[in-house]
Amino acid sequence: MNCGEGIDTRQIDELFINLDPIQAGGRLTTDAMKAVLAYGDGYSVCDHCTKPFRLDHISKPPLAEFHKDLATFLNMDTARLVPGARRGFQAVADALVKPDDPVLLTAYSHYTEFLSVEQARAQPFEIPANDSHIITPDAAASRIEEVIKKTGKTPALMFVEQVDYQYGNQHPVKDLIKVAHQYDIPVLCNGAYTIGIMEVDGKELGADFLVGSGHKSMAAPAPSGVLATTNEWAETVLRTTGVKGDLTGRTFGVKEVEMMGCTLMGVTSVGMMASFPHVKKRVKEFDAQVRYGNMIVDALLTIDGTQVQSEYPRRHTLTRMNTTDSFDNVAKKHKKKGFFLTSALRERGITGILAGSTRVWKFNSYGITEEQASYVADAFVEIAKAEGIA
């Protein structure tokens, strides 16, 4: 058997309520599924690519218009598709950061933000979180002063998470950006868990750069994402090539250096575009999604010893729970050990929580219905009662 014959049909979202923390917002819409079939070939969007031979200028399929719509959707001046949020981080760091420059991140920054700083050969400095797992403006201001004193330089860039991946907490991004701008520090707002999930207004936040994840939060195939910026920074991060071949004299038109020319070819770009009308509608229903998530958390909190480590009541659907004093006590005596919980959930048609987790674990309820939320909430309580802890 060759490796191609060993690929199983994936039916997770067809057969289960999927609470996977990183998959909830990336489920494809029916229209995106159709686009995947039609545009699965690698260069399928390039049938009508003419001068200037760039993705954001292709009119059929309407990728040029899609780029404009994305910028409007985010209330920024211009936008580009990128192969995942990490490539947006990388592009901005490449354009703005020089070797040995200090760069601010947070205690909850994603590892790819750190890698983008490392690739630029810069120095990363973290802003600490408070006891509630929130990054505060006061902490940002203090850290900026410390970094300037230590390095003799003002940070070249600051990364902030609108919602972090560890706790799913909303941070006061607008106020954090105000602090950074007092020191003339440009700010990249990481919207990997917000863009496509909830309404995001870049100019209202004051962000210099917004980065989102298509496959995490915009119902798009992987790897896909968006980088949006203002007119002030567009010429810097979207600079066009100026090199010339020394033997052939070749030049390369208006290819954008940080974008490596074109970014998303084929299925990723068209899948993201196909889901976009649905995404624009669903962000307006975010409050209902948060309410459904709180239904599950509230049920979990009725189980003795269970704690929610994220801010509560929840303001996002990604939540971190601590069941060390509840489900983990069962795991110590259960024949399935820590796998009893995910096994019991799977028997009830629920999946997505890391297998074997009974201490600290995360779930993301985004995209479920109120009926499904009620079912999941009841399932956790039923399992607890069956094990004698509720």
Protein backbone atom coordinates (compact mmCIF):
# COMPACT_ATOMS: atom_id res chain seq x y z
CA MET A 1 0.00 0.00 0.00
CA ASN A 2 1.37 3.42 -0.90
CA CYS A 3 0.85 6.41 1.37
CA GLY A 4 -1.92 7.87 -0.80
CA GLU A 5 -4.04 4.76 -0.24
CA GLY A 6 -3.79 5.16 3.53
CA ILE A 7 -5.64 8.47 3.78
CA ASP A 8 -8.87 7.93 5.70
CA THR A 9 -12.03 9.92 5.05
CA ARG A 10 -12.27 12.61 7.72
CA GLN A 11 -15.78 12.99 9.16
CA ILE A 12 -15.15 14.72 12.48
CA ASP A 13 -17.56 17.60 11.98
CA GLU A 14 -20.13 15.41 10.25
CA LEU A 15 -20.30 12.87 13.10
CA PHE A 16 -19.44 14.87 16.22
CA ILE A 17 -19.88 18.17 17.99
CA ASN A 18 -16.29 19.35 17.64
CA LEU A 19 -14.94 21.49 20.49
CA ASP A 20 -11.33 21.57 19.25
CA PRO A 21 -9.77 24.89 20.34
CA ILE A 22 -8.14 25.64 16.97
CA GLN A 23 -10.66 24.10 14.59
CA ALA A 24 -13.96 25.68 15.60
CA GLY A 25 -13.74 28.85 13.51
CA GLY A 26 -12.09 27.22 10.53
CA ARG A 27 -14.82 24.78 9.52
CA LEU A 28 -15.52 25.29 5.83
CA THR A 29 -18.87 26.52 4.63
CA THR A 30 -20.72 24.61 1.93
CA ASP A 31 -19.71 27.26 -0.60
CA ALA A 32 -16.07 26.88 0.40
CA MET A 33 -16.32 23.10 0.00
CA LYS A 34 -17.61 23.61 -3.54
CA ALA A 35 -14.75 26.02 -4.24
CA VAL A 36 -12.24 23.44 -2.98
CA LEU A 37 -13.50 20.98 -5.59
CA ALA A 38 -13.49 23.52 -8.40
CA TYR A 39 -10.16 25.19 -7.60
CA GLY A 40 -8.13 22.38 -6.07
CA ASP A 41 -5.40 22.60 -8.72
CA GLY A 42 -2.33 24.51 -7.60
CA TYR A 43 -2.50 27.49 -9.94
CA SER A 44 -6.24 27.38 -10.62
CA VAL A 45 -6.76 31.09 -9.91
CA CYS A 46 -4.14 32.01 -12.49
CA ASP A 47 -6.21 31.23 -15.60
CA HIS A 48 -6.77 34.96 -16.11
CA CYS A 49 -3.66 36.41 -14.49
CA THR A 50 -2.39 39.26 -16.66
CA LYS A 51 -0.19 42.26 -16.03
CA PRO A 52 0.90 43.19 -13.43
CA PHE A 53 0.84 39.42 -12.64
CA ARG A 54 -0.11 39.75 -8.99
CA LEU A 55 -2.76 37.96 -6.93
CA ASP A 56 -4.48 41.13 -5.71
CA HIS A 57 -5.01 42.24 -9.34
CA ILE A 58 -6.75 39.10 -10.60
CA SER A 59 -10.33 39.95 -11.55
CA LYS A 60 -11.58 36.46 -12.50
CA PRO A 61 -12.17 34.95 -9.98
CA PRO A 62 -12.74 38.33 -8.25
CA LEU A 63 -9.67 38.31 -6.02
CA ALA A 64 -8.93 42.00 -6.62
CA GLU A 65 -12.36 42.92 -5.32
CA PHE A 66 -11.97 40.48 -2.43
CA HIS A 67 -8.81 42.25 -1.25
CA LYS A 68 -10.69 45.56 -1.22
CA ASP A 69 -13.63 43.99 0.61
CA LEU A 70 -11.31 42.56 3.26
CA ALA A 71 -9.80 46.00 3.93
CA THR A 72 -13.29 47.51 4.24
CA PHE A 73 -14.44 44.64 6.48
CA LEU A 74 -11.57 45.37 8.87
CA ASN A 75 -11.75 49.16 8.45
CA MET A 76 -8.15 49.35 7.28
CA ASP A 77 -6.72 50.95 4.14
CA THR A 78 -5.33 47.92 2.39
CA ALA A 79 -5.21 44.15 2.84
CA ARG A 80 -3.30 41.18 1.48
CA LEU A 81 -3.92 37.46 1.66
CA VAL A 82 -1.11 35.57 3.36
CA PRO A 83 -0.36 31.86 3.99
CA GLY A 84 -1.56 31.96 7.59
CA ALA A 85 -1.25 34.54 10.36
CA ARG A 86 2.38 33.59 10.92
CA ARG A 87 3.31 34.89 7.48
CA GLY A 88 1.67 38.18 8.38
CA PHE A 89 3.80 38.39 11.53
CA GLN A 90 6.87 37.54 9.49
CA ALA A 91 6.15 40.12 6.80
CA VAL A 92 5.72 42.96 9.29
CA ALA A 93 8.79 42.00 11.32
CA ASP A 94 10.90 41.70 8.15
CA ALA A 95 9.82 45.15 7.04
CA LEU A 96 10.11 47.05 10.31
CA VAL A 97 12.65 45.32 12.52
CA LYS A 98 16.43 45.46 12.21
CA PRO A 99 18.99 43.18 13.89
CA ASP A 100 19.27 43.81 17.65
CA ASP A 101 16.17 45.99 17.74
CA PRO A 102 14.03 45.41 20.83
CA VAL A 103 10.53 44.12 20.06
CA LEU A 104 7.67 43.87 22.51
CA LEU A 105 5.49 40.79 22.76
CA THR A 106 3.20 39.63 25.54
CA ALA A 107 3.22 36.75 27.99
CA TYR A 108 0.59 35.16 25.74
CA SER A 109 2.12 35.80 22.32
CA HIS A 110 2.04 32.87 19.93
CA TYR A 111 5.34 31.11 19.25
CA THR A 112 5.24 32.23 15.61
CA GLU A 113 5.39 35.85 16.75
CA PHE A 114 8.58 35.00 18.61
CA LEU A 115 9.96 33.22 15.55
CA SER A 116 9.29 36.27 13.38
CA VAL A 117 11.32 38.35 15.84
CA GLU A 118 14.08 35.75 15.94
CA GLN A 119 14.21 35.59 12.16
CA ALA A 120 14.71 39.37 12.12
CA ARG A 121 17.61 38.83 14.57
CA ALA A 122 15.93 41.14 17.04
CA GLN A 123 15.51 41.03 20.82
CA PRO A 124 12.12 39.87 22.20
CA PHE A 125 10.78 41.36 25.43
CA GLU A 126 7.53 40.23 27.03
CA ILE A 127 4.84 42.30 28.72
CA PRO A 128 3.66 40.35 31.79
CA ALA A 129 0.04 39.51 32.51
CA ASN A 130 -1.75 40.30 35.75
CA ASP A 131 -3.32 37.74 38.10
CA SER A 132 -6.46 37.71 35.95
CA HIS A 133 -4.39 36.75 32.89
CA ILE A 134 -4.90 40.13 31.24
CA ILE A 135 -2.24 42.33 29.63
CA THR A 136 -2.81 45.82 31.03
CA PRO A 137 -1.79 49.26 29.68
CA ASP A 138 0.14 49.98 32.89
CA ALA A 139 2.16 46.80 32.43
CA ALA A 140 2.87 47.77 28.82
CA ALA A 141 4.03 51.26 29.79
CA SER A 142 6.30 49.92 32.53
CA ARG A 143 7.81 47.35 30.21
CA ILE A 144 8.46 49.92 27.50
CA GLU A 145 10.33 52.09 29.98
CA GLU A 146 12.35 49.09 31.20
CA VAL A 147 13.29 48.07 27.66
CA ILE A 148 14.35 51.58 26.69
CA LYS A 149 16.47 51.82 29.83
CA LYS A 150 18.03 48.40 29.25
CA THR A 151 18.72 48.63 25.52
CA GLY A 152 18.94 52.36 24.90
CA LYS A 153 16.43 51.90 22.07
CA THR A 154 12.70 52.36 21.66
CA PRO A 155 11.08 49.09 20.60
CA ALA A 156 10.70 48.83 16.82
CA LEU A 157 7.37 47.01 17.03
CA MET A 158 4.82 45.70 19.52
CA PHE A 159 2.69 42.57 19.11
CA VAL A 160 -0.57 42.40 21.07
CA GLU A 161 -3.23 39.67 21.11
CA GLN A 162 -6.82 40.78 20.85
CA VAL A 163 -7.78 37.35 22.22
CA ASP A 164 -4.97 35.07 23.34
CA TYR A 165 -4.69 31.37 22.54
CA GLN A 166 -3.94 30.23 26.10
CA TYR A 167 -6.93 31.59 27.99
CA GLY A 168 -9.17 33.00 25.29
CA ASN A 169 -9.24 36.31 27.16
CA GLN A 170 -10.01 39.63 25.51
CA HIS A 171 -7.27 42.17 26.18
CA PRO A 172 -7.68 45.98 26.16
CA VAL A 173 -6.03 46.33 22.77
CA LYS A 174 -7.20 49.87 22.12
CA ASP A 175 -5.64 51.11 25.36
CA LEU A 176 -2.48 49.06 24.82
CA ILE A 177 -2.07 50.62 21.38
CA LYS A 178 -2.53 54.12 22.84
CA VAL A 179 0.34 53.45 25.24
CA ALA A 180 2.61 52.19 22.45
CA HIS A 181 1.81 55.15 20.21
CA GLN A 182 2.86 57.55 22.97
CA TYR A 183 6.35 56.16 22.35
CA ASP A 184 5.88 56.09 18.53
CA ILE A 185 5.90 52.29 18.54
CA PRO A 186 3.86 50.70 15.72
CA VAL A 187 1.53 47.92 16.83
CA LEU A 188 0.54 44.64 15.23
CA CYS A 189 -2.76 43.35 16.57
CA ASN A 190 -2.98 39.57 16.42
CA GLY A 191 -6.58 38.79 15.51
CA ALA A 192 -6.13 35.07 14.87
CA TYR A 193 -9.02 34.32 17.24
CA THR A 194 -11.16 37.37 16.44
CA ILE A 195 -11.04 38.28 12.74
CA GLY A 196 -13.86 36.26 11.19
CA ILE A 197 -15.29 35.41 14.62
CA MET A 198 -16.34 38.82 15.93
CA GLU A 199 -16.48 42.33 14.51
CA VAL A 200 -13.02 43.92 14.38
CA ASP A 201 -12.50 47.59 13.53
CA GLY A 202 -8.81 48.25 12.98
CA LYS A 203 -9.00 52.03 12.95
CA GLU A 204 -11.21 52.13 16.03
CA LEU A 205 -8.57 50.04 17.79
CA GLY A 206 -5.83 52.28 16.39
CA ALA A 207 -3.89 49.31 15.01
CA ASP A 208 -1.10 49.82 12.52
CA PHE A 209 -1.37 46.21 11.40
CA LEU A 210 -4.10 43.61 11.75
CA VAL A 211 -3.33 39.95 11.17
CA GLY A 212 -5.97 37.21 10.96
CA SER A 213 -6.03 33.48 10.32
CA GLY A 214 -8.24 32.14 7.55
CA HIS A 215 -8.01 28.51 8.62
CA LYS A 216 -8.49 29.30 12.31
CA SER A 217 -11.27 31.87 12.23
CA MET A 218 -12.47 32.63 8.69
CA ALA A 219 -13.90 29.26 7.56
CA ALA A 220 -11.06 28.86 5.07
CA PRO A 221 -8.68 26.11 3.94
CA ALA A 222 -5.18 26.07 5.40
CA PRO A 223 -2.82 27.80 5.18
CA SER A 224 -4.58 31.12 4.76
CA GLY A 225 -4.80 34.46 6.49
CA VAL A 226 -4.99 38.20 6.08
CA LEU A 227 -2.65 41.11 6.72
CA ALA A 228 -4.21 44.57 6.76
CA THR A 229 -2.52 47.90 7.31
CA THR A 230 -2.92 51.66 7.03
CA ASN A 231 -1.74 54.01 4.33
CA GLU A 232 1.01 55.15 6.69
CA TRP A 233 2.65 51.71 6.67
CA ALA A 234 1.56 50.26 3.34
CA GLU A 235 4.60 51.42 1.40
CA THR A 236 6.88 49.91 4.03
CA VAL A 237 5.37 46.47 4.50
CA LEU A 238 4.12 46.19 0.91
CA ARG A 239 7.21 47.60 -0.79
CA THR A 240 7.78 46.46 -4.34
CA THR A 241 10.96 44.90 -5.66
CA GLY A 242 13.84 47.02 -6.90
CA VAL A 243 16.47 44.40 -7.67
CA LYS A 244 17.88 43.77 -11.12
CA GLY A 245 19.65 40.73 -12.53
CA ASP A 246 23.35 41.58 -12.96
CA LEU A 247 23.75 39.42 -16.09
CA THR A 248 20.31 39.49 -17.68
CA GLY A 249 19.15 42.89 -16.51
CA ARG A 250 15.84 41.34 -15.49
CA THR A 251 13.47 43.27 -13.25
CA PHE A 252 10.31 41.92 -11.65
CA GLY A 253 7.60 44.52 -12.01
CA VAL A 254 5.49 45.31 -8.96
CA LYS A 255 6.07 42.10 -7.03
CA GLU A 256 5.88 42.82 -3.29
CA VAL A 257 9.00 41.76 -1.43
CA GLU A 258 7.49 40.80 1.94
CA MET A 259 4.71 38.94 0.12
CA MET A 260 7.29 37.03 -1.95
CA GLY A 261 5.37 38.10 -5.04
CA CYS A 262 2.08 36.21 -4.90
CA THR A 263 0.77 34.62 -1.73
CA LEU A 264 -2.24 32.31 -1.93
CA MET A 265 -2.64 30.34 -5.12
CA GLY A 266 -5.62 28.15 -5.86
CA VAL A 267 -7.84 26.54 -3.29
CA THR A 268 -6.82 28.56 -0.23
CA SER A 269 -7.62 31.95 -1.73
CA VAL A 270 -10.87 30.92 -3.41
CA GLY A 271 -12.03 28.90 -0.40
CA MET A 272 -11.45 31.91 1.83
CA MET A 273 -13.31 34.13 -0.64
CA ALA A 274 -16.22 31.70 -0.93
CA SER A 275 -16.75 31.72 2.85
CA PHE A 276 -16.43 35.47 3.17
CA PRO A 277 -20.14 36.38 2.72
CA HIS A 278 -20.98 33.91 5.49
CA VAL A 279 -18.19 35.25 7.70
CA LYS A 280 -19.46 38.83 7.34
CA LYS A 281 -22.85 37.68 8.62
CA ARG A 282 -21.68 35.42 11.42
CA VAL A 283 -19.52 38.04 13.17
CA LYS A 284 -22.76 39.84 14.01
CA GLU A 285 -23.93 36.76 15.92
CA PHE A 286 -20.91 36.60 18.21
CA ASP A 287 -22.82 37.55 21.37
CA ALA A 288 -25.07 34.53 20.94
CA GLN A 289 -22.04 32.29 20.49
CA VAL A 290 -20.54 33.63 23.72
CA ARG A 291 -23.82 32.95 25.50
CA TYR A 292 -23.77 29.34 24.32
CA GLY A 293 -20.19 28.97 25.52
CA ASN A 294 -21.16 30.31 28.93
CA MET A 295 -23.93 27.68 29.12
CA ILE A 296 -21.24 24.99 28.94
CA VAL A 297 -18.95 26.73 31.43
CA ASP A 298 -21.80 27.28 33.88
CA ALA A 299 -22.64 23.58 33.75
CA LEU A 300 -19.02 22.61 34.33
CA LEU A 301 -18.85 24.90 37.34
CA THR A 302 -21.66 22.96 39.02
CA ILE A 303 -19.23 20.05 39.29
CA ASP A 304 -17.38 20.25 42.63
CA GLY A 305 -13.72 21.16 42.30
CA THR A 306 -14.01 22.53 38.75
CA GLN A 307 -12.60 25.97 37.95
CA VAL A 308 -12.58 28.20 34.90
CA GLN A 309 -9.15 29.75 34.45
CA SER A 310 -10.24 32.18 31.74
CA GLU A 311 -12.00 35.44 32.61
CA TYR A 312 -15.56 34.78 33.70
CA PRO A 313 -18.29 35.28 32.59
CA ARG A 314 -16.73 34.39 29.26
CA ARG A 315 -16.34 37.03 26.55
CA HIS A 316 -15.06 34.58 23.96
CA THR A 317 -15.82 31.00 22.99
CA LEU A 318 -12.28 29.70 23.62
CA THR A 319 -12.10 28.70 27.28
CA ARG A 320 -9.52 27.16 29.61
CA MET A 321 -10.78 24.88 32.37
CA ASN A 322 -9.08 23.36 35.41
CA THR A 323 -10.57 20.03 36.53
CA THR A 324 -7.63 18.86 38.63
CA ASP A 325 -9.91 18.60 41.68
CA SER A 326 -12.78 16.98 39.81
CA PHE A 327 -12.26 14.90 36.69
CA ASP A 328 -8.60 14.30 37.47
CA ASN A 329 -9.53 12.72 40.81
CA VAL A 330 -11.61 10.23 38.83
CA ALA A 331 -8.73 9.63 36.41
CA LYS A 332 -6.46 8.53 39.25
CA LYS A 333 -8.70 5.54 39.93
CA HIS A 334 -10.33 4.92 36.56
CA LYS A 335 -9.21 1.97 34.43
CA LYS A 336 -8.94 4.29 31.41
CA LYS A 337 -6.89 6.79 33.45
CA GLY A 338 -7.09 10.30 32.00
CA PHE A 339 -8.68 9.05 28.81
CA PHE A 340 -11.99 8.30 30.51
CA LEU A 341 -13.29 11.84 29.97
CA THR A 342 -12.64 12.14 26.25
CA SER A 343 -13.86 8.56 25.82
CA ALA A 344 -17.12 9.32 27.62
CA LEU A 345 -17.59 12.50 25.59
CA ARG A 346 -16.93 10.67 22.34
CA GLU A 347 -19.57 8.06 23.25
CA ARG A 348 -21.96 11.00 23.43
CA GLY A 349 -20.89 12.41 20.05
CA ILE A 350 -18.58 15.11 21.40
CA THR A 351 -14.92 15.46 20.43
CA GLY A 352 -12.08 17.97 20.20
CA ILE A 353 -10.73 18.06 23.75
CA LEU A 354 -7.13 16.84 23.93
CA ALA A 355 -7.18 13.11 24.60
CA GLY A 356 -6.16 12.20 28.13
CA SER A 357 -6.70 15.70 29.52
CA THR A 358 -8.33 15.83 32.95
CA ARG A 359 -6.33 18.58 34.63
CA VAL A 360 -6.09 21.73 32.51
CA TRP A 361 -7.71 21.72 29.09
CA LYS A 362 -9.32 24.03 26.55
CA PHE A 363 -12.41 23.93 24.40
CA ASN A 364 -13.91 26.22 21.78
CA SER A 365 -17.67 26.12 21.33
CA TYR A 366 -17.78 28.52 18.38
CA GLY A 367 -20.28 27.59 15.71
CA ILE A 368 -22.55 25.36 17.78
CA THR A 369 -26.29 25.91 18.19
CA GLU A 370 -28.08 26.62 21.45
CA GLU A 371 -29.46 23.08 21.39
CA GLN A 372 -25.96 21.65 20.95
CA ALA A 373 -24.62 23.83 23.76
CA SER A 374 -27.32 22.53 26.07
CA TYR A 375 -26.51 18.96 25.05
CA VAL A 376 -22.78 19.43 25.72
CA ALA A 377 -23.48 21.08 29.08
CA ASP A 378 -25.72 18.19 30.13
CA ALA A 379 -23.15 15.66 28.90
CA PHE A 380 -20.42 16.99 31.21
CA VAL A 381 -22.79 16.87 34.19
CA GLU A 382 -23.97 13.36 33.29
CA ILE A 383 -20.39 12.11 33.16
CA ALA A 384 -19.60 13.74 36.49
CA LYS A 385 -22.69 12.17 38.10
CA ALA A 386 -21.83 8.75 36.68
CA GLU A 387 -18.39 9.02 38.33
CA GLY A 388 -19.83 10.26 41.64
CA ILE A 389 -18.45 13.81 41.59
CA ALA A 390 -21.69 15.73 41.00
